[in-house]
Amino acid sequence: MYAMVEILGKQYKAEKGGLLKVDKIEAEEGKDLDFDTVLLFRGDDSIKVGAPYVEGAKVTAVLEKHAKGDKVIVYKYKRRKDYQRKQGHRQNYSFIRIKEVSLA
């Protein structure tokens, strides 16, 4: 049993017990989260596709921790123009553990 859920504008496959790395969610670690923006729900014997969301479907998760991703270097350069810029970026992420995927 799994569900395709939309979290902060991005789509993820949520299975019970799975760990998802999503963009940073503004909440405390250990807090329970409920997502009702389920796009697709697959049960034991059937598949339900939403238009745009499946009614009654819900994904319950717990926020495990916040972390930062690897550093990405952005380097701009124009030859013969004495122009070069170097900039780094580290994206903030949240790790959430899926507790339950249900359809009411």
N, C-alpha and C. Protein backbone atom coordinates (compact mmCIF):
# COMPACT_ATOMS: atom_id res chain seq x y z
N MET A 1 0.84 -1.17 0.00
CA MET A 1 0.00 0.00 0.00
C MET A 1 0.90 1.24 0.00
N TYR A 2 0.62 2.15 -0.93
CA TYR A 2 1.39 3.39 -0.97
C TYR A 2 0.53 4.50 -1.52
N ALA A 3 1.05 5.73 -1.46
CA ALA A 3 0.33 6.89 -1.96
C ALA A 3 1.33 7.87 -2.56
N MET A 4 0.91 8.56 -3.59
CA MET A 4 1.68 9.67 -4.15
C MET A 4 1.13 10.93 -3.50
N VAL A 5 1.97 11.62 -2.75
CA VAL A 5 1.52 12.77 -1.98
C VAL A 5 2.28 14.02 -2.43
N GLU A 6 1.58 15.14 -2.40
CA GLU A 6 2.19 16.42 -2.77
C GLU A 6 2.55 17.17 -1.49
N ILE A 7 3.84 17.47 -1.32
CA ILE A 7 4.34 18.19 -0.15
C ILE A 7 5.12 19.40 -0.64
N LEU A 8 4.65 20.59 -0.29
CA LEU A 8 5.28 21.85 -0.68
C LEU A 8 5.52 21.93 -2.19
N GLY A 9 4.53 21.48 -2.97
CA GLY A 9 4.59 21.62 -4.41
C GLY A 9 5.36 20.54 -5.14
N LYS A 10 5.90 19.56 -4.43
CA LYS A 10 6.63 18.46 -5.05
C LYS A 10 5.95 17.14 -4.72
N GLN A 11 6.12 16.14 -5.58
CA GLN A 11 5.44 14.86 -5.41
C GLN A 11 6.40 13.79 -4.90
N TYR A 12 5.91 13.00 -3.93
CA TYR A 12 6.71 11.95 -3.32
C TYR A 12 5.88 10.68 -3.19
N LYS A 13 6.56 9.54 -3.24
CA LYS A 13 5.91 8.25 -3.01
C LYS A 13 6.04 7.91 -1.54
N ALA A 14 4.91 7.80 -0.86
CA ALA A 14 4.90 7.56 0.59
C ALA A 14 4.45 6.14 0.88
N GLU A 15 5.31 5.36 1.53
CA GLU A 15 4.98 4.02 1.99
C GLU A 15 5.14 3.98 3.50
N LYS A 16 4.37 3.14 4.16
CA LYS A 16 4.44 3.04 5.61
C LYS A 16 5.86 2.65 6.04
N GLY A 17 6.43 3.42 6.95
CA GLY A 17 7.77 3.16 7.45
C GLY A 17 8.88 3.79 6.62
N GLY A 18 8.52 4.40 5.50
CA GLY A 18 9.52 5.00 4.61
C GLY A 18 10.02 6.34 5.13
N LEU A 19 11.21 6.72 4.69
CA LEU A 19 11.83 7.99 5.06
C LEU A 19 11.90 8.87 3.82
N LEU A 20 11.38 10.09 3.92
CA LEU A 20 11.38 11.03 2.81
C LEU A 20 12.24 12.24 3.14
N LYS A 21 13.01 12.68 2.14
CA LYS A 21 13.82 13.89 2.27
C LYS A 21 13.10 14.97 1.47
N VAL A 22 12.49 15.92 2.18
CA VAL A 22 11.69 16.96 1.55
C VAL A 22 12.29 18.33 1.85
N ASP A 23 11.83 19.34 1.12
CA ASP A 23 12.26 20.71 1.43
C ASP A 23 11.86 21.03 2.87
N LYS A 24 12.55 21.98 3.47
CA LYS A 24 12.38 22.26 4.90
C LYS A 24 10.94 22.61 5.24
N ILE A 25 10.43 21.91 6.26
CA ILE A 25 9.09 22.15 6.80
C ILE A 25 9.26 22.90 8.11
N GLU A 26 8.55 24.01 8.26
CA GLU A 26 8.67 24.83 9.46
C GLU A 26 7.87 24.21 10.60
N ALA A 27 8.49 23.26 11.30
CA ALA A 27 7.88 22.60 12.46
C ALA A 27 9.01 22.06 13.34
N GLU A 28 8.67 21.71 14.58
CA GLU A 28 9.67 21.18 15.49
C GLU A 28 9.90 19.70 15.21
N GLU A 29 11.09 19.24 15.54
CA GLU A 29 11.41 17.82 15.38
C GLU A 29 10.55 16.99 16.33
N GLY A 30 10.07 15.86 15.84
CA GLY A 30 9.22 14.98 16.63
C GLY A 30 7.74 15.28 16.50
N LYS A 31 7.39 16.32 15.77
CA LYS A 31 5.98 16.70 15.61
C LYS A 31 5.31 15.84 14.54
N ASP A 32 4.04 15.47 14.79
CA ASP A 32 3.27 14.71 13.81
C ASP A 32 2.74 15.65 12.73
N LEU A 33 2.76 15.16 11.49
CA LEU A 33 2.29 15.93 10.34
C LEU A 33 1.24 15.12 9.60
N ASP A 34 0.20 15.79 9.12
CA ASP A 34 -0.84 15.16 8.31
C ASP A 34 -0.87 15.82 6.94
N PHE A 35 -0.88 15.00 5.90
CA PHE A 35 -0.96 15.50 4.53
C PHE A 35 -2.20 14.89 3.88
N ASP A 36 -3.10 15.76 3.40
CA ASP A 36 -4.29 15.27 2.72
C ASP A 36 -4.26 15.56 1.21
N THR A 37 -3.12 16.02 0.71
CA THR A 37 -2.97 16.28 -0.72
C THR A 37 -2.43 15.03 -1.41
N VAL A 38 -3.25 13.97 -1.38
CA VAL A 38 -2.87 12.68 -1.96
C VAL A 38 -3.34 12.66 -3.41
N LEU A 39 -2.42 12.45 -4.33
CA LEU A 39 -2.73 12.44 -5.75
C LEU A 39 -3.15 11.06 -6.24
N LEU A 40 -2.58 10.01 -5.65
CA LEU A 40 -2.87 8.63 -6.05
C LEU A 40 -2.77 7.76 -4.81
N PHE A 41 -3.69 6.82 -4.69
CA PHE A 41 -3.67 5.89 -3.56
C PHE A 41 -3.78 4.48 -4.11
N ARG A 42 -2.86 3.62 -3.72
CA ARG A 42 -2.89 2.22 -4.15
C ARG A 42 -3.04 1.35 -2.92
N GLY A 43 -4.16 0.65 -2.85
CA GLY A 43 -4.43 -0.25 -1.74
C GLY A 43 -4.00 -1.66 -2.10
N ASP A 44 -4.57 -2.62 -1.40
CA ASP A 44 -4.23 -4.01 -1.65
C ASP A 44 -4.77 -4.51 -2.99
N ASP A 45 -5.94 -4.01 -3.39
CA ASP A 45 -6.57 -4.55 -4.60
C ASP A 45 -6.99 -3.49 -5.61
N SER A 46 -6.89 -2.21 -5.29
CA SER A 46 -7.37 -1.20 -6.22
C SER A 46 -6.47 0.04 -6.21
N ILE A 47 -6.65 0.84 -7.26
CA ILE A 47 -5.93 2.10 -7.38
C ILE A 47 -6.95 3.22 -7.53
N LYS A 48 -6.78 4.28 -6.74
CA LYS A 48 -7.65 5.45 -6.85
C LYS A 48 -6.79 6.64 -7.25
N VAL A 49 -7.23 7.31 -8.32
CA VAL A 49 -6.52 8.48 -8.83
C VAL A 49 -7.39 9.69 -8.58
N GLY A 50 -6.81 10.74 -8.01
CA GLY A 50 -7.56 11.93 -7.69
C GLY A 50 -7.66 12.89 -8.86
N ALA A 51 -8.60 13.84 -8.71
CA ALA A 51 -8.78 14.87 -9.72
C ALA A 51 -9.04 16.20 -9.02
N PRO A 52 -8.08 16.90 -8.46
CA PRO A 52 -6.67 16.57 -8.40
C PRO A 52 -6.27 15.71 -7.21
N TYR A 53 -7.11 15.64 -6.15
CA TYR A 53 -6.74 14.89 -4.96
C TYR A 53 -7.76 13.80 -4.68
N VAL A 54 -7.32 12.73 -4.01
CA VAL A 54 -8.20 11.62 -3.63
C VAL A 54 -8.92 12.02 -2.34
N GLU A 55 -10.25 11.97 -2.37
CA GLU A 55 -11.03 12.35 -1.19
C GLU A 55 -10.90 11.29 -0.10
N GLY A 56 -10.68 11.72 1.12
CA GLY A 56 -10.59 10.81 2.26
C GLY A 56 -9.23 10.17 2.46
N ALA A 57 -8.30 10.37 1.55
CA ALA A 57 -6.96 9.78 1.70
C ALA A 57 -6.10 10.70 2.56
N LYS A 58 -5.27 10.09 3.38
CA LYS A 58 -4.44 10.87 4.29
C LYS A 58 -3.12 10.15 4.54
N VAL A 59 -2.06 10.92 4.64
CA VAL A 59 -0.74 10.39 4.98
C VAL A 59 -0.33 11.04 6.30
N THR A 60 0.01 10.22 7.29
CA THR A 60 0.46 10.71 8.59
C THR A 60 1.95 10.42 8.71
N ALA A 61 2.70 11.45 9.14
CA ALA A 61 4.16 11.31 9.24
C ALA A 61 4.64 12.02 10.50
N VAL A 62 5.89 11.74 10.86
CA VAL A 62 6.53 12.43 11.98
C VAL A 62 7.82 13.05 11.46
N LEU A 63 8.08 14.28 11.88
CA LEU A 63 9.27 15.00 11.46
C LEU A 63 10.45 14.53 12.29
N GLU A 64 11.42 13.90 11.64
CA GLU A 64 12.55 13.33 12.38
C GLU A 64 13.64 14.34 12.65
N LYS A 65 14.12 15.03 11.59
CA LYS A 65 15.20 15.99 11.81
C LYS A 65 15.30 16.96 10.65
N HIS A 66 15.99 18.06 10.90
CA HIS A 66 16.32 19.04 9.87
C HIS A 66 17.80 18.87 9.53
N ALA A 67 18.15 19.09 8.26
CA ALA A 67 19.55 18.95 7.84
C ALA A 67 19.80 19.86 6.64
N LYS A 68 21.07 19.99 6.30
CA LYS A 68 21.46 20.75 5.13
C LYS A 68 22.07 19.80 4.10
N GLY A 69 21.84 20.10 2.84
CA GLY A 69 22.40 19.30 1.76
C GLY A 69 23.85 19.64 1.49
N ASP A 70 24.42 19.00 0.49
CA ASP A 70 25.80 19.27 0.10
C ASP A 70 25.91 20.65 -0.51
N LYS A 71 27.10 21.22 -0.44
CA LYS A 71 27.32 22.54 -1.00
C LYS A 71 27.38 22.47 -2.52
N VAL A 72 26.67 23.41 -3.15
CA VAL A 72 26.67 23.54 -4.61
C VAL A 72 27.38 24.85 -4.93
N ILE A 73 28.39 24.79 -5.79
CA ILE A 73 29.15 25.97 -6.17
C ILE A 73 28.59 26.52 -7.48
N VAL A 74 28.27 27.82 -7.48
CA VAL A 74 27.81 28.52 -8.68
C VAL A 74 28.95 29.44 -9.09
N TYR A 75 29.51 29.22 -10.27
CA TYR A 75 30.66 30.00 -10.73
C TYR A 75 30.33 30.63 -12.07
N LYS A 76 30.43 31.95 -12.11
CA LYS A 76 30.17 32.69 -13.34
C LYS A 76 31.48 33.26 -13.85
N TYR A 77 31.67 33.21 -15.16
CA TYR A 77 32.93 33.64 -15.73
C TYR A 77 32.70 34.13 -17.16
N LYS A 78 33.30 35.26 -17.48
CA LYS A 78 33.28 35.76 -18.86
C LYS A 78 34.72 36.00 -19.29
N ARG A 79 35.12 35.33 -20.33
CA ARG A 79 36.50 35.41 -20.76
C ARG A 79 36.83 36.80 -21.30
N ARG A 80 38.03 37.22 -21.04
CA ARG A 80 38.60 38.49 -21.51
C ARG A 80 37.88 39.73 -20.96
N LYS A 81 36.98 39.58 -20.03
CA LYS A 81 36.24 40.72 -19.50
C LYS A 81 36.55 40.99 -18.03
N ASP A 82 37.47 40.24 -17.45
CA ASP A 82 37.83 40.38 -16.04
C ASP A 82 36.60 40.26 -15.14
N TYR A 83 35.77 39.29 -15.45
CA TYR A 83 34.55 39.07 -14.68
C TYR A 83 34.48 37.62 -14.22
N GLN A 84 34.43 37.43 -12.91
CA GLN A 84 34.21 36.10 -12.35
C GLN A 84 33.59 36.24 -10.97
N ARG A 85 32.60 35.39 -10.70
CA ARG A 85 31.89 35.39 -9.43
C ARG A 85 31.76 33.95 -8.96
N LYS A 86 31.98 33.75 -7.67
CA LYS A 86 31.84 32.43 -7.08
C LYS A 86 30.87 32.54 -5.91
N GLN A 87 29.88 31.64 -5.91
CA GLN A 87 28.87 31.67 -4.87
C GLN A 87 28.53 30.24 -4.48
N GLY A 88 28.35 29.99 -3.20
CA GLY A 88 27.99 28.66 -2.72
C GLY A 88 26.58 28.66 -2.17
N HIS A 89 25.96 27.47 -2.15
CA HIS A 89 24.60 27.34 -1.64
C HIS A 89 24.43 25.96 -1.00
N ARG A 90 23.75 25.93 0.16
CA ARG A 90 23.39 24.67 0.81
C ARG A 90 21.89 24.70 1.09
N GLN A 91 21.18 23.74 0.52
CA GLN A 91 19.72 23.67 0.65
C GLN A 91 19.35 23.06 2.00
N ASN A 92 18.31 23.62 2.63
CA ASN A 92 17.78 23.07 3.88
C ASN A 92 16.75 21.98 3.56
N TYR A 93 16.82 20.86 4.28
CA TYR A 93 15.92 19.74 4.09
C TYR A 93 15.33 19.31 5.43
N SER A 94 14.22 18.58 5.35
CA SER A 94 13.62 17.93 6.50
C SER A 94 13.46 16.45 6.16
N PHE A 95 13.70 15.59 7.14
CA PHE A 95 13.49 14.16 6.97
C PHE A 95 12.23 13.78 7.72
N ILE A 96 11.28 13.17 7.00
CA ILE A 96 10.03 12.76 7.64
C ILE A 96 9.88 11.26 7.48
N ARG A 97 9.38 10.61 8.55
CA ARG A 97 9.13 9.17 8.56
C ARG A 97 7.62 8.97 8.43
N ILE A 98 7.21 8.17 7.45
CA ILE A 98 5.79 7.91 7.20
C ILE A 98 5.28 6.89 8.23
N LYS A 99 4.26 7.30 8.99
CA LYS A 99 3.67 6.41 9.99
C LYS A 99 2.49 5.62 9.45
N GLU A 100 1.67 6.29 8.62
CA GLU A 100 0.47 5.61 8.15
C GLU A 100 -0.01 6.21 6.83
N VAL A 101 -0.49 5.35 5.95
CA VAL A 101 -1.14 5.76 4.70
C VAL A 101 -2.53 5.15 4.74
N SER A 102 -3.57 6.01 4.73
CA SER A 102 -4.92 5.49 4.93
C SER A 102 -5.92 6.12 3.97
N LEU A 103 -7.00 5.41 3.75
CA LEU A 103 -8.11 5.88 2.94
C LEU A 103 -9.37 5.68 3.76
N ALA A 104 -10.06 6.79 4.04
CA ALA A 104 -11.27 6.71 4.89
C ALA A 104 -12.49 6.26 4.12
